[in-house]
C-alpha cells in the first residue's frame, strides 16, 4: 500500500480557501529558519516574485505587516509614512511568535493573531502571482498579489526606496 504524503494545512491556506482565493502550496523540506533567497532556490520560485513578511511597530505601539521582495531591505522612514506613523522599527525576533502566532521563517501575512495593517511592496503588482510564506517553515504559497491585498485589507506602496 502506498503512503500518501499528507499536505499540511496552515491558517494561511484555510483563510484563502474560506475566501475562495486560488493558491498553490509548495512544500519543501526544511528544519529551521532559512532566508527567503534560500527558500526561493529550494522551491525554484523566481527571486523577484518572492516576498518576505516583516513586522514593525510604530511610535503608537501599533503593529504593521510589510511584505517586500526577498532581496530588498525595508526603508523604515518610507514604511512609517505608508502606515501613517512618525517612525516604525522592526520587532524583536523573540516577539515574532507572541505578536503574529508564527515562528521566524514561517511568518505569513495571512492568518496572524490579528489582522494588522498591511503594506505590500508595489513591485508585487508587476506579477500575476507572487510567492509568500505559507505560515510555517517548509511551506510557500503562490498566489495573486491583488487577492492577497484583498484578504489582508492591504495596500501597495514603495516601502523599500
N, C-alpha and C. Protein backbone atom coordinates (compact mmCIF):
# COMPACT_ATOMS: atom_id res chain seq x y z
N UNK A 1 0.84 -1.19 0.00
CA UNK A 1 0.00 0.00 0.00
C UNK A 1 0.88 1.25 0.00
N UNK A 2 0.55 2.17 -0.86
CA UNK A 2 1.35 3.39 -0.99
C UNK A 2 0.93 4.42 0.05
N UNK A 3 1.91 4.96 0.75
CA UNK A 3 1.60 6.00 1.74
C UNK A 3 1.48 7.34 1.02
N UNK A 4 0.40 8.02 1.27
CA UNK A 4 0.20 9.34 0.66
C UNK A 4 0.73 10.39 1.62
N UNK A 5 1.59 11.25 1.12
CA UNK A 5 2.14 12.30 1.97
C UNK A 5 1.05 13.32 2.27
N UNK A 6 0.80 13.54 3.55
CA UNK A 6 -0.23 14.49 3.96
C UNK A 6 0.25 15.91 3.70
N UNK A 7 -0.60 16.68 3.08
CA UNK A 7 -0.30 18.10 2.90
C UNK A 7 -0.68 18.79 4.20
N UNK A 8 0.23 19.57 4.73
CA UNK A 8 -0.04 20.26 5.98
C UNK A 8 -0.79 21.54 5.68
N UNK A 9 -1.99 21.64 6.23
CA UNK A 9 -2.81 22.84 6.04
C UNK A 9 -2.42 23.86 7.10
N UNK A 10 -2.21 25.09 6.68
CA UNK A 10 -1.89 26.15 7.62
C UNK A 10 -3.07 27.11 7.70
N UNK A 11 -3.05 27.97 8.71
CA UNK A 11 -4.09 29.00 8.82
C UNK A 11 -4.18 29.81 7.54
N UNK A 12 -3.02 30.14 6.98
CA UNK A 12 -2.98 30.94 5.76
C UNK A 12 -3.79 30.26 4.65
N UNK A 13 -3.60 28.95 4.49
CA UNK A 13 -4.33 28.20 3.45
C UNK A 13 -5.82 28.17 3.75
N UNK A 14 -6.17 27.98 5.02
CA UNK A 14 -7.59 27.93 5.39
C UNK A 14 -8.28 29.26 5.07
N UNK A 15 -7.59 30.36 5.35
CA UNK A 15 -8.15 31.69 5.06
C UNK A 15 -8.38 31.87 3.57
N UNK A 16 -7.41 31.45 2.75
CA UNK A 16 -7.57 31.57 1.30
C UNK A 16 -8.73 30.71 0.83
N UNK A 17 -8.84 29.50 1.36
CA UNK A 17 -9.93 28.61 0.95
C UNK A 17 -11.29 29.18 1.37
N UNK A 18 -11.35 29.71 2.59
CA UNK A 18 -12.60 30.31 3.08
C UNK A 18 -13.04 31.48 2.18
N UNK A 19 -12.05 32.22 1.68
CA UNK A 19 -12.33 33.36 0.81
C UNK A 19 -12.37 32.98 -0.67
N UNK A 20 -12.30 31.67 -0.95
CA UNK A 20 -12.33 31.15 -2.32
C UNK A 20 -11.27 31.79 -3.22
N UNK A 21 -10.07 31.94 -2.65
CA UNK A 21 -8.96 32.52 -3.41
C UNK A 21 -8.02 31.39 -3.83
N UNK A 22 -7.80 31.27 -5.14
CA UNK A 22 -6.92 30.19 -5.60
C UNK A 22 -5.47 30.43 -5.19
N UNK A 23 -4.78 29.36 -4.85
CA UNK A 23 -3.36 29.43 -4.50
C UNK A 23 -2.74 28.08 -4.79
N UNK A 24 -1.42 28.08 -4.83
CA UNK A 24 -0.70 26.82 -4.96
C UNK A 24 0.25 26.73 -3.78
N UNK A 25 0.19 25.61 -3.06
CA UNK A 25 1.10 25.41 -1.92
C UNK A 25 2.31 24.64 -2.39
N UNK A 26 3.48 25.14 -2.05
CA UNK A 26 4.73 24.45 -2.37
C UNK A 26 5.36 24.03 -1.05
N UNK A 27 5.45 22.72 -0.83
CA UNK A 27 6.03 22.21 0.42
C UNK A 27 7.47 21.81 0.13
N UNK A 28 8.34 22.12 1.09
CA UNK A 28 9.74 21.72 0.94
C UNK A 28 10.29 21.29 2.29
N UNK A 29 11.33 20.49 2.24
CA UNK A 29 11.94 20.00 3.48
C UNK A 29 12.84 21.07 4.07
N UNK A 30 12.60 21.40 5.32
CA UNK A 30 13.42 22.40 5.97
C UNK A 30 13.16 22.32 7.45
N UNK A 31 14.22 22.19 8.23
CA UNK A 31 14.04 22.02 9.67
C UNK A 31 14.06 23.33 10.43
N UNK A 32 14.88 24.30 9.96
CA UNK A 32 14.96 25.54 10.72
C UNK A 32 14.94 26.74 9.80
N UNK A 33 15.00 27.91 10.39
CA UNK A 33 14.93 29.16 9.63
C UNK A 33 15.99 29.21 8.53
N UNK A 34 15.55 29.53 7.33
CA UNK A 34 16.46 29.91 6.25
C UNK A 34 15.88 31.18 5.64
N UNK A 35 16.72 31.98 5.04
CA UNK A 35 16.19 33.23 4.50
C UNK A 35 15.47 32.99 3.18
N UNK A 36 14.78 34.03 2.74
CA UNK A 36 13.96 33.94 1.55
C UNK A 36 14.71 33.56 0.29
N UNK A 37 15.96 34.02 0.17
CA UNK A 37 16.74 33.68 -1.04
C UNK A 37 16.98 32.18 -1.11
N UNK A 38 17.29 31.56 0.03
CA UNK A 38 17.49 30.11 0.04
C UNK A 38 16.18 29.38 -0.22
N UNK A 39 15.10 29.91 0.33
CA UNK A 39 13.79 29.30 0.09
C UNK A 39 13.46 29.32 -1.40
N UNK A 40 13.71 30.46 -2.04
CA UNK A 40 13.45 30.57 -3.48
C UNK A 40 14.29 29.56 -4.26
N UNK A 41 15.56 29.39 -3.85
CA UNK A 41 16.42 28.41 -4.54
C UNK A 41 15.84 27.00 -4.40
N UNK A 42 15.41 26.66 -3.20
CA UNK A 42 14.86 25.31 -2.95
C UNK A 42 13.58 25.08 -3.75
N UNK A 43 12.69 26.08 -3.77
CA UNK A 43 11.38 25.90 -4.39
C UNK A 43 11.38 26.20 -5.89
N UNK A 44 12.46 26.86 -6.35
CA UNK A 44 12.52 27.23 -7.76
C UNK A 44 11.71 28.48 -8.07
N UNK A 45 11.26 29.19 -7.02
CA UNK A 45 10.48 30.42 -7.22
C UNK A 45 11.40 31.54 -7.71
N UNK A 46 10.96 32.31 -8.71
CA UNK A 46 11.79 33.43 -9.18
C UNK A 46 12.00 34.44 -8.04
N UNK A 47 13.24 34.86 -7.85
CA UNK A 47 13.58 35.76 -6.75
C UNK A 47 12.74 37.03 -6.75
N UNK A 48 12.56 37.64 -7.93
CA UNK A 48 11.83 38.91 -7.98
C UNK A 48 10.34 38.75 -7.68
N UNK A 49 9.84 37.51 -7.72
CA UNK A 49 8.44 37.26 -7.39
C UNK A 49 8.26 36.72 -5.98
N UNK A 50 9.37 36.61 -5.24
CA UNK A 50 9.33 36.05 -3.90
C UNK A 50 9.39 37.17 -2.87
N UNK A 51 8.46 37.13 -1.92
CA UNK A 51 8.32 38.21 -0.95
C UNK A 51 8.44 37.68 0.48
N UNK A 52 9.04 38.51 1.33
CA UNK A 52 9.16 38.15 2.74
C UNK A 52 8.22 39.03 3.56
N UNK A 53 7.87 38.53 4.72
CA UNK A 53 6.93 39.23 5.61
C UNK A 53 7.70 39.76 6.81
N UNK A 54 7.61 41.06 7.02
CA UNK A 54 8.26 41.69 8.17
C UNK A 54 7.19 42.32 9.05
N UNK A 55 7.48 42.39 10.33
CA UNK A 55 6.54 43.05 11.24
C UNK A 55 7.28 44.18 11.95
N UNK A 56 6.66 45.35 11.91
CA UNK A 56 7.24 46.54 12.56
C UNK A 56 6.25 47.07 13.58
N UNK A 57 6.79 47.88 14.50
CA UNK A 57 5.94 48.53 15.49
C UNK A 57 6.15 50.02 15.38
N UNK A 58 5.04 50.75 15.38
CA UNK A 58 5.11 52.19 15.26
C UNK A 58 5.27 52.87 16.60
N UNK A 59 5.53 54.18 16.55
CA UNK A 59 5.61 55.03 17.75
C UNK A 59 4.37 54.85 18.62
N UNK A 60 3.22 54.63 17.96
CA UNK A 60 1.93 54.48 18.66
C UNK A 60 1.83 53.14 19.39
N UNK A 61 2.82 52.27 19.22
CA UNK A 61 2.87 50.89 19.74
C UNK A 61 2.03 49.92 18.90
N UNK A 62 1.42 50.41 17.81
CA UNK A 62 0.66 49.52 16.92
C UNK A 62 1.63 48.72 16.04
N UNK A 63 1.17 47.55 15.61
CA UNK A 63 1.97 46.69 14.74
C UNK A 63 1.50 46.81 13.30
N UNK A 64 2.45 46.61 12.39
CA UNK A 64 2.17 46.66 10.96
C UNK A 64 2.92 45.54 10.27
N UNK A 65 2.32 45.04 9.19
CA UNK A 65 2.93 43.96 8.41
C UNK A 65 3.41 44.55 7.09
N UNK A 66 4.66 44.24 6.75
CA UNK A 66 5.26 44.72 5.50
C UNK A 66 5.65 43.51 4.67
N UNK A 67 5.24 43.50 3.41
CA UNK A 67 5.55 42.39 2.51
C UNK A 67 6.43 42.95 1.41
N UNK A 68 7.71 42.54 1.42
CA UNK A 68 8.67 43.12 0.47
C UNK A 68 9.45 42.04 -0.27
N UNK A 69 10.02 42.40 -1.43
CA UNK A 69 10.82 41.42 -2.17
C UNK A 69 11.96 40.87 -1.30
N UNK A 70 12.21 39.58 -1.41
CA UNK A 70 13.19 38.92 -0.52
C UNK A 70 14.60 39.48 -0.62
N UNK A 71 14.96 40.03 -1.77
CA UNK A 71 16.34 40.52 -1.92
C UNK A 71 16.48 41.97 -1.46
N UNK A 72 15.39 42.58 -1.00
CA UNK A 72 15.41 44.00 -0.64
C UNK A 72 15.36 44.21 0.86
N UNK A 73 15.69 45.43 1.26
CA UNK A 73 15.57 45.83 2.67
C UNK A 73 14.47 46.87 2.75
N UNK A 74 13.74 46.86 3.85
CA UNK A 74 12.68 47.85 4.03
C UNK A 74 13.30 49.20 4.38
N UNK A 75 12.70 50.27 3.90
CA UNK A 75 13.09 51.61 4.29
C UNK A 75 12.12 52.01 5.40
N UNK A 76 12.60 52.08 6.63
CA UNK A 76 11.70 52.31 7.77
C UNK A 76 11.01 53.68 7.71
N UNK A 77 11.69 54.67 7.14
CA UNK A 77 11.07 56.00 7.00
C UNK A 77 9.88 55.96 6.05
N UNK A 78 10.09 55.35 4.89
CA UNK A 78 9.02 55.24 3.89
C UNK A 78 7.88 54.37 4.43
N UNK A 79 8.24 53.29 5.13
CA UNK A 79 7.24 52.40 5.69
C UNK A 79 6.39 53.14 6.73
N UNK A 80 7.05 53.95 7.56
CA UNK A 80 6.33 54.72 8.59
C UNK A 80 5.32 55.64 7.92
N UNK A 81 5.76 56.31 6.84
CA UNK A 81 4.87 57.22 6.12
C UNK A 81 3.68 56.44 5.53
N UNK A 82 3.96 55.26 5.00
CA UNK A 82 2.91 54.45 4.37
C UNK A 82 1.82 54.04 5.36
N UNK A 83 2.21 53.86 6.63
CA UNK A 83 1.23 53.42 7.64
C UNK A 83 0.75 54.58 8.53
N UNK A 84 1.23 55.79 8.24
CA UNK A 84 0.78 56.96 8.98
C UNK A 84 1.39 57.10 10.37
N UNK A 85 2.62 56.64 10.53
CA UNK A 85 3.32 56.75 11.81
C UNK A 85 4.51 57.72 11.66
N UNK A 86 4.95 58.29 12.79
CA UNK A 86 6.15 59.14 12.78
C UNK A 86 7.38 58.28 12.49
N UNK A 87 7.41 57.10 13.12
CA UNK A 87 8.51 56.17 12.88
C UNK A 87 8.04 54.76 13.18
N UNK A 88 8.74 53.78 12.59
CA UNK A 88 8.49 52.37 12.88
C UNK A 88 9.83 51.68 13.07
N UNK A 89 9.83 50.61 13.84
CA UNK A 89 11.03 49.79 13.93
C UNK A 89 10.66 48.32 13.90
N UNK A 90 11.61 47.51 13.45
CA UNK A 90 11.39 46.07 13.37
C UNK A 90 11.13 45.52 14.77
N UNK A 91 10.21 44.57 14.89
CA UNK A 91 10.01 43.96 16.20
C UNK A 91 11.17 43.01 16.47
N UNK A 92 11.41 42.72 17.72
CA UNK A 92 12.49 41.82 18.11
C UNK A 92 12.13 40.39 17.71
N UNK A 93 13.15 39.64 17.26
CA UNK A 93 12.93 38.24 16.85
C UNK A 93 12.17 37.46 17.93
N UNK A 94 12.49 37.70 19.19
CA UNK A 94 11.85 36.93 20.27
C UNK A 94 10.35 37.26 20.40
N UNK A 95 9.91 38.37 19.82
CA UNK A 95 8.50 38.76 19.91
C UNK A 95 7.66 38.29 18.72
N UNK A 96 8.29 37.72 17.71
CA UNK A 96 7.57 37.34 16.48
C UNK A 96 6.37 36.43 16.79
N UNK A 97 6.61 35.36 17.55
CA UNK A 97 5.53 34.41 17.82
C UNK A 97 4.43 35.05 18.65
N UNK A 98 4.82 35.85 19.65
CA UNK A 98 3.84 36.49 20.54
C UNK A 98 2.92 37.43 19.73
N UNK A 99 3.51 38.17 18.79
CA UNK A 99 2.75 39.16 18.01
C UNK A 99 1.96 38.51 16.87
N UNK A 100 2.59 37.55 16.17
CA UNK A 100 1.99 37.02 14.94
C UNK A 100 1.35 35.64 15.09
N UNK A 101 1.83 34.87 16.04
CA UNK A 101 1.40 33.47 16.14
C UNK A 101 2.25 32.56 15.28
N UNK A 102 3.20 33.13 14.55
CA UNK A 102 4.08 32.35 13.67
C UNK A 102 5.50 32.35 14.20
N UNK A 103 6.32 31.43 13.67
CA UNK A 103 7.74 31.41 14.03
C UNK A 103 8.54 32.14 12.96
N UNK A 104 9.73 32.59 13.33
CA UNK A 104 10.62 33.26 12.38
C UNK A 104 10.89 32.31 11.21
N UNK A 105 10.71 32.83 10.00
CA UNK A 105 10.93 32.00 8.82
C UNK A 105 9.64 31.34 8.33
N UNK A 106 8.59 31.42 9.14
CA UNK A 106 7.31 30.84 8.73
C UNK A 106 6.20 31.85 8.91
N UNK A 107 6.57 33.11 8.84
CA UNK A 107 5.64 34.21 9.11
C UNK A 107 4.92 34.60 7.81
N UNK A 108 3.62 34.32 7.76
CA UNK A 108 2.83 34.65 6.58
C UNK A 108 2.04 35.93 6.85
N UNK A 109 1.83 36.76 5.81
CA UNK A 109 0.97 37.93 6.02
C UNK A 109 -0.49 37.52 6.25
N UNK A 110 -0.81 36.27 5.97
CA UNK A 110 -2.16 35.74 6.15
C UNK A 110 -2.27 34.98 7.47
N UNK A 111 -3.33 35.24 8.21
CA UNK A 111 -3.63 34.39 9.37
C UNK A 111 -2.84 34.68 10.62
N UNK A 112 -2.35 35.90 10.79
CA UNK A 112 -1.70 36.24 12.04
C UNK A 112 -2.75 36.31 13.14
N UNK A 113 -2.28 36.44 14.39
CA UNK A 113 -3.20 36.51 15.53
C UNK A 113 -4.26 37.58 15.33
N UNK A 114 -3.85 38.70 14.76
CA UNK A 114 -4.77 39.80 14.46
C UNK A 114 -4.54 40.21 13.02
N UNK A 115 -5.51 40.92 12.44
CA UNK A 115 -5.33 41.46 11.10
C UNK A 115 -4.69 42.84 11.27
N UNK A 116 -3.36 42.87 11.17
CA UNK A 116 -2.63 44.13 11.30
C UNK A 116 -2.67 44.87 9.97
N UNK A 117 -2.59 46.22 10.01
CA UNK A 117 -2.50 46.96 8.75
C UNK A 117 -1.30 46.43 7.94
N UNK A 118 -1.54 46.17 6.67
CA UNK A 118 -0.53 45.51 5.84
C UNK A 118 -0.20 46.36 4.63
N UNK A 119 1.11 46.47 4.35
CA UNK A 119 1.58 47.18 3.16
C UNK A 119 2.41 46.19 2.34
N UNK A 120 2.03 46.06 1.08
CA UNK A 120 2.73 45.16 0.16
C UNK A 120 3.52 46.03 -0.80
N UNK A 121 4.79 45.66 -1.02
CA UNK A 121 5.59 46.48 -1.95
C UNK A 121 4.96 46.47 -3.33
N UNK A 122 4.91 47.66 -3.94
CA UNK A 122 4.20 47.84 -5.21
C UNK A 122 4.73 46.98 -6.36
N UNK A 123 5.97 46.49 -6.26
CA UNK A 123 6.50 45.65 -7.33
C UNK A 123 5.71 44.34 -7.47
N UNK A 124 4.98 43.96 -6.41
CA UNK A 124 4.16 42.74 -6.47
C UNK A 124 3.14 42.83 -7.60
N UNK A 125 2.72 44.07 -7.90
CA UNK A 125 1.71 44.27 -8.96
C UNK A 125 2.25 43.99 -10.35
N UNK A 126 3.57 43.83 -10.47
CA UNK A 126 4.17 43.51 -11.78
C UNK A 126 3.95 42.05 -12.17
N UNK A 127 3.45 41.24 -11.23
CA UNK A 127 3.36 39.80 -11.47
C UNK A 127 1.94 39.28 -11.26
N UNK A 128 1.55 38.30 -12.08
CA UNK A 128 0.23 37.70 -11.88
C UNK A 128 0.19 36.91 -10.57
N UNK A 129 1.36 36.41 -10.15
CA UNK A 129 1.44 35.64 -8.90
C UNK A 129 2.74 35.97 -8.19
N UNK A 130 2.66 35.98 -6.86
CA UNK A 130 3.88 36.13 -6.06
C UNK A 130 3.96 34.96 -5.09
N UNK A 131 5.13 34.79 -4.51
CA UNK A 131 5.38 33.71 -3.55
C UNK A 131 5.54 34.33 -2.17
N UNK A 132 4.77 33.81 -1.20
CA UNK A 132 4.86 34.30 0.17
C UNK A 132 4.93 33.09 1.11
N UNK A 133 5.29 33.33 2.35
CA UNK A 133 5.32 32.23 3.32
C UNK A 133 3.91 31.68 3.53
N UNK A 134 3.84 30.39 3.68
CA UNK A 134 2.56 29.73 3.88
C UNK A 134 2.17 29.60 5.34
N UNK A 135 2.98 30.16 6.25
CA UNK A 135 2.60 30.13 7.65
C UNK A 135 3.31 29.07 8.47
N UNK A 136 4.30 28.43 7.86
CA UNK A 136 5.17 27.53 8.60
C UNK A 136 6.45 27.36 7.79
N UNK A 137 7.53 27.01 8.47
CA UNK A 137 8.77 26.74 7.75
C UNK A 137 8.53 25.50 6.90
N UNK A 138 8.82 25.60 5.61
CA UNK A 138 8.61 24.46 4.71
C UNK A 138 7.38 24.60 3.84
N UNK A 139 6.69 25.72 3.92
CA UNK A 139 5.52 25.94 3.07
C UNK A 139 5.58 27.33 2.45
N UNK A 140 5.50 27.37 1.12
CA UNK A 140 5.42 28.62 0.38
C UNK A 140 4.10 28.63 -0.37
N UNK A 141 3.46 29.79 -0.44
CA UNK A 141 2.23 29.91 -1.21
C UNK A 141 2.46 30.78 -2.43
N UNK A 142 1.92 30.34 -3.55
CA UNK A 142 1.98 31.10 -4.80
C UNK A 142 0.56 31.61 -5.05
N UNK A 143 0.41 32.94 -5.15
CA UNK A 143 -0.94 33.49 -5.31
C UNK A 143 -0.91 34.87 -5.95
N UNK A 144 -2.09 35.33 -6.32
CA UNK A 144 -2.23 36.64 -6.93
C UNK A 144 -2.03 37.74 -5.88
N UNK A 145 -1.17 38.74 -6.15
CA UNK A 145 -0.91 39.79 -5.16
C UNK A 145 -2.13 40.65 -4.83
N UNK A 146 -2.99 40.88 -5.82
CA UNK A 146 -4.18 41.70 -5.56
C UNK A 146 -5.17 40.95 -4.67
N UNK A 147 -5.23 39.64 -4.83
CA UNK A 147 -6.10 38.82 -3.97
C UNK A 147 -5.53 38.80 -2.55
N UNK A 148 -4.21 38.79 -2.44
CA UNK A 148 -3.57 38.85 -1.12
C UNK A 148 -3.95 40.16 -0.44
N UNK A 149 -3.82 41.27 -1.16
CA UNK A 149 -4.16 42.59 -0.61
C UNK A 149 -5.62 42.63 -0.18
N UNK A 150 -6.47 42.03 -0.99
CA UNK A 150 -7.91 41.99 -0.70
C UNK A 150 -8.18 41.30 0.64
N UNK A 151 -7.56 40.13 0.82
CA UNK A 151 -7.86 39.33 2.01
C UNK A 151 -7.22 39.89 3.28
N UNK A 152 -6.08 40.57 3.17
CA UNK A 152 -5.44 41.16 4.37
C UNK A 152 -5.79 42.64 4.50
N UNK A 153 -6.66 43.12 3.60
CA UNK A 153 -7.03 44.54 3.56
C UNK A 153 -5.77 45.42 3.45
N UNK A 154 -4.86 44.97 2.60
CA UNK A 154 -3.58 45.65 2.46
C UNK A 154 -3.59 46.68 1.34
N UNK A 155 -2.52 47.45 1.30
CA UNK A 155 -2.35 48.43 0.21
C UNK A 155 -0.96 48.27 -0.37
N UNK A 156 -0.79 48.79 -1.59
CA UNK A 156 0.50 48.70 -2.27
C UNK A 156 1.22 50.04 -2.19
N UNK A 157 2.48 50.01 -1.79
CA UNK A 157 3.31 51.23 -1.70
C UNK A 157 4.76 50.84 -1.95
N UNK A 158 5.57 51.85 -2.26
CA UNK A 158 7.00 51.61 -2.35
C UNK A 158 7.58 51.84 -0.95
N UNK A 159 7.91 50.75 -0.27
CA UNK A 159 8.42 50.84 1.10
C UNK A 159 9.88 50.40 1.19
N UNK A 160 10.56 50.35 0.03
CA UNK A 160 11.98 50.00 0.07
C UNK A 160 12.86 51.14 -0.41
N UNK A 161 12.26 52.20 -0.99
CA UNK A 161 13.07 53.30 -1.53
C UNK A 161 13.28 54.37 -0.48
